[in-house]
Amino acid sequence: RAQILKVDGQNIKVKFVDYGNDETTTLTRLKHLAPKHVSLPVQAIRCSLHGVDCQRGTWTEGASHKFEDLTMDKNLISKIITKTKDGVHVVSLVDVSGESELNISEALVRMGLAIRAGSPVSIMKPEKPQQSVGPPSPPIRNLTQSFKDMDVPIGKSCMAVASWVNSPAEFFCQLG
């Protein structure tokens, strides 16, 4: 299932709501969904890793790749710590795939790829403004679908699968 984000001629930018990733495709590849499929809540929630910050104002490519290695194709336990005004779920992640549990935030700090949130460097760095996608332009309104967000209570712990990773500050999880 995909939500249209932008139309540029024949190119259509869509977000796959059950995974979190974006893709540009063509109008001819889009199909209408049956109402029963539209009414299902999205299966991927937008997340940010709790307890850590990037070291130099933005996550390095190396830190983001290592985070992806630590989370993709792993059995994770996710705990919802809070939810931002923008709807981002701030989560702790623990990998339970191996013989011992691995706290992902602590692992990134131990590897020198992140700093603990609240440290002096973390407090002093400027915050990046969140980008939000506004409503579609009028010509494509009739093509868009509205998908119901998954309602996840603060404090809930459950099994999770990372479905798409940009960085520890922005990734998507499917909750089980």
Protein backbone atom coordinates (compact mmCIF):
# COMPACT_ATOMS: atom_id res chain seq x y z
CA ARG A 1 0.00 0.00 0.00
CA ALA A 2 1.33 3.41 -0.89
CA GLN A 3 0.44 7.01 -0.20
CA ILE A 4 1.12 9.64 -2.86
CA LEU A 5 3.51 12.31 -1.62
CA LYS A 6 4.29 14.31 -4.77
CA VAL A 7 3.46 14.43 -8.46
CA ASP A 8 5.96 15.77 -11.00
CA GLY A 9 4.61 15.20 -14.51
CA GLN A 10 4.45 11.42 -14.95
CA ASN A 11 6.70 10.81 -11.93
CA ILE A 12 4.87 10.05 -8.68
CA LYS A 13 6.65 9.93 -5.33
CA VAL A 14 4.97 7.44 -2.99
CA LYS A 15 5.53 6.23 0.57
CA PHE A 16 5.01 2.54 1.24
CA VAL A 17 2.98 2.88 4.45
CA ASP A 18 3.59 -0.69 5.63
CA TYR A 19 7.40 -0.41 5.37
CA GLY A 20 8.30 3.30 5.58
CA ASN A 21 10.38 3.77 2.45
CA ASP A 22 9.72 6.21 -0.42
CA GLU A 23 9.99 5.52 -4.13
CA THR A 24 9.39 7.41 -7.35
CA THR A 25 7.28 5.56 -9.87
CA THR A 26 4.97 6.35 -12.78
CA LEU A 27 1.24 6.98 -12.82
CA THR A 28 0.65 3.83 -14.90
CA ARG A 29 1.99 1.64 -12.05
CA LEU A 30 -0.56 2.95 -9.51
CA LYS A 31 -3.74 1.03 -8.72
CA HIS A 32 -6.74 1.89 -6.56
CA LEU A 33 -7.13 -0.12 -3.38
CA ALA A 34 -10.31 -1.78 -2.24
CA PRO A 35 -11.81 0.09 0.77
CA LYS A 36 -11.16 -2.90 3.05
CA HIS A 37 -7.41 -2.52 2.42
CA VAL A 38 -7.45 1.25 2.97
CA SER A 39 -9.15 0.91 6.37
CA LEU A 40 -6.34 -1.24 7.82
CA PRO A 41 -3.90 0.71 10.00
CA VAL A 42 -0.38 1.28 8.66
CA GLN A 43 1.95 -1.54 9.60
CA ALA A 44 5.16 0.49 9.98
CA ILE A 45 5.55 3.20 12.59
CA ARG A 46 8.07 6.02 12.28
CA CYS A 47 10.65 5.77 15.06
CA SER A 48 13.66 7.46 16.61
CA LEU A 49 16.12 5.69 18.92
CA HIS A 50 15.83 6.67 22.57
CA GLY A 51 18.80 7.65 24.70
CA VAL A 52 21.35 8.60 22.04
CA ASP A 53 22.28 11.50 19.79
CA CYS A 54 24.67 11.92 16.89
CA GLN A 55 28.11 13.26 17.73
CA ARG A 56 28.51 16.11 15.26
CA GLY A 57 25.08 17.52 14.49
CA THR A 58 24.10 14.82 11.99
CA TRP A 59 24.34 11.04 11.88
CA THR A 60 27.35 9.84 9.90
CA GLU A 61 26.93 7.36 7.09
CA GLY A 62 29.02 4.89 9.10
CA ALA A 63 26.82 5.22 12.19
CA SER A 64 23.67 4.83 10.11
CA HIS A 65 25.05 1.73 8.35
CA LYS A 66 26.08 0.17 11.66
CA PHE A 67 22.63 0.91 13.10
CA GLU A 68 21.11 -0.81 10.07
CA ASP A 69 23.40 -3.82 10.60
CA LEU A 70 22.36 -3.98 14.27
CA THR A 71 18.62 -3.82 13.55
CA MET A 72 17.70 -5.24 10.14
CA ASP A 73 16.71 -8.93 10.04
CA LYS A 74 16.92 -9.14 13.84
CA ASN A 75 14.42 -10.14 16.50
CA LEU A 76 13.98 -6.89 18.40
CA ILE A 77 12.04 -5.91 21.48
CA SER A 78 10.82 -2.34 21.13
CA LYS A 79 9.56 -0.24 24.01
CA ILE A 80 7.65 2.93 23.17
CA ILE A 81 9.14 5.62 25.44
CA THR A 82 7.21 8.61 24.11
CA LYS A 83 5.67 10.05 20.96
CA THR A 84 6.62 13.45 19.54
CA LYS A 85 4.17 16.10 18.29
CA ASP A 86 5.14 15.01 14.76
CA GLY A 87 4.02 11.44 15.49
CA VAL A 88 7.52 9.93 15.78
CA HIS A 89 7.69 7.07 18.28
CA VAL A 90 10.81 7.36 20.45
CA VAL A 91 11.75 3.76 21.20
CA SER A 92 14.35 1.66 22.96
CA LEU A 93 15.48 -1.40 21.01
CA VAL A 94 16.97 -4.62 22.33
CA ASP A 95 18.20 -7.34 19.98
CA VAL A 96 17.16 -10.75 21.35
CA SER A 97 18.35 -12.73 18.30
CA GLY A 98 21.58 -14.00 19.84
CA GLU A 99 22.56 -15.80 23.03
CA SER A 100 22.60 -12.55 24.99
CA GLU A 101 20.50 -9.43 24.68
CA LEU A 102 22.02 -6.34 23.03
CA ASN A 103 20.73 -2.85 23.85
CA ILE A 104 21.14 -1.00 20.53
CA SER A 105 21.58 2.47 22.08
CA GLU A 106 24.31 1.24 24.44
CA ALA A 107 26.04 -0.62 21.60
CA LEU A 108 26.23 2.54 19.45
CA VAL A 109 27.71 4.51 22.39
CA ARG A 110 30.27 1.74 23.14
CA MET A 111 31.34 1.74 19.47
CA GLY A 112 31.87 5.51 19.56
CA LEU A 113 29.14 6.09 16.96
CA ALA A 114 26.74 7.96 19.26
CA ILE A 115 26.67 9.93 22.48
CA ARG A 116 24.20 9.57 25.30
CA ALA A 117 21.27 11.97 24.99
CA GLY A 118 21.52 14.78 27.51
CA SER A 119 25.33 14.96 27.45
CA PRO A 120 26.76 18.51 27.11
CA VAL A 121 27.53 18.00 23.40
CA SER A 122 24.01 16.70 22.84
CA ILE A 123 22.38 19.63 24.65
CA MET A 124 24.39 22.26 22.80
CA LYS A 125 23.91 20.99 19.24
CA PRO A 126 21.25 22.78 17.18
CA GLU A 127 18.12 20.82 16.43
CA LYS A 128 17.33 20.03 12.83
CA PRO A 129 13.84 21.13 11.88
CA GLN A 130 11.50 18.22 11.10
CA GLN A 131 10.34 18.11 7.51
CA SER A 132 6.73 17.26 7.01
CA VAL A 133 4.92 16.49 3.83
CA GLY A 134 2.03 18.85 3.34
CA PRO A 135 -1.25 18.00 1.68
CA PRO A 136 -1.07 16.99 -1.97
CA SER A 137 -1.58 19.56 -4.67
CA PRO A 138 -5.21 19.84 -5.90
CA PRO A 139 -4.77 17.92 -9.20
CA ILE A 140 -3.92 14.67 -7.35
CA ARG A 141 -6.39 14.88 -4.45
CA ASN A 142 -8.67 12.31 -6.05
CA LEU A 143 -5.80 9.80 -6.26
CA THR A 144 -4.72 9.92 -2.63
CA GLN A 145 -5.74 7.49 0.06
CA SER A 146 -5.79 8.26 3.75
CA PHE A 147 -4.44 5.47 5.94
CA LYS A 148 -5.23 5.06 9.61
CA ASP A 149 -2.24 5.29 11.97
CA MET A 150 -1.49 2.38 14.23
CA ASP A 151 -2.42 3.23 17.82
CA VAL A 152 0.54 2.23 20.00
CA PRO A 153 0.34 3.13 23.69
CA ILE A 154 3.30 4.77 25.44
CA GLY A 155 5.12 2.22 27.59
CA LYS A 156 4.16 -0.75 25.40
CA SER A 157 6.88 -3.36 24.80
CA CYS A 158 6.55 -5.81 21.93
CA MET A 159 8.47 -7.71 19.31
CA ALA A 160 9.49 -5.54 16.36
CA VAL A 161 11.13 -5.78 12.97
CA ALA A 162 13.01 -2.84 11.48
CA SER A 163 11.46 -2.44 8.02
CA TRP A 164 13.36 0.65 6.78
CA VAL A 165 16.36 2.50 8.22
CA ASN A 166 17.59 5.99 7.37
CA SER A 167 19.48 6.62 10.64
CA PRO A 168 19.00 6.08 14.38
CA ALA A 169 16.95 9.30 14.30
CA GLU A 170 14.59 8.03 11.58
CA PHE A 171 13.63 4.43 10.97
CA PHE A 172 10.46 2.40 10.65
CA CYS A 173 9.38 -0.66 12.63
CA GLN A 174 6.64 -3.20 12.20
CA LEU A 175 5.34 -4.24 15.59
CA GLY A 176 4.25 -7.78 16.42
